[in-house]
């Protein structure tokens, strides 16, 4: 294990976005992760990398490749000068939300460049707001901009990557990523999720590059590991992705207030290790993991640590 194997990237702007007192998707999520990694000593094994800002032109181009002009205009118009603006019953913006989303994009792109430039082998992006529910023309479910989809588009534009896989493990379906890439077979998207559950769009998006793995309430992680062997493995072997994007949600934990699955923190180690062992022959360990869900602070922090330990252990 070497300190530069795994990058850890975040940005202070991601702490400024908040949606009101008591909202589960809060800045405390990032603080809990950083505090736990420091307390347990794992942070010392990571390459904590600074994030360089993006030009407005570059960021606008990438967002326009990922989302509709109408959505981006709506977000700009809704962005409040004070207090909050409601997008849906679950999702709000404060005056700093769009800045947080912009810096989240910068964080993810810095992770790409850190891996491409050999600074580290893989990277974890501790960013918010999350993104995997953000569809081409809709922000929803705590999500404004789909950062995983932005990363895919940047890899193709800046590095000529032809095959990418987005592997989404979260208690909620990655409907946004499915929607954005439903007609793009160069991107394989696999999503595990509790079903039936939010967002209720799971059966609406189908395609040869989209792999659904619904889980019944109360399921443990072993159920998903079997589905990965059965469904994700053959799809990944056929697709042979050069880069892997994890939409990494930790709300399948048994203690999470928004979920109904029965996972432990250590399950995220076994899940991550299996996914890496499957994909390393194609990707050579080029992995960007982007934080999605996870709302019990202790469970979130412990699960992220287990996830990062697996990446460190399996990195080539």
Foldseek 3Di string as FASTA:
>chain_A
DALQAEAEEEDPLQQPKDDDPPQLQHSVLLVLQVVLCVVVVVNSSYHHDYFDADDPVVLVVLQVLQAPPQLVVVCVVQQDPADWGDQDPREITGNSQVVQVRSLLRRLVVQVCCCVVVSHPEYEYAGDDAALQAARYGADDSHRHHSLSSSVVCCCVVPVFQAEEEEEEAQEWSVRVLRRCLPPQSYAYEYEHEPPDPPNCVPVGDHPRYHYHYDHFAAELVSVVVVCVVPVLVSCVVNLGQAYEYADAQQLDCPRPRHRYHYALLSLLVVLLVVCVSRCVRNLLYYYYYYHYDRPSVRSNSNVVSNVVNSVVRRD
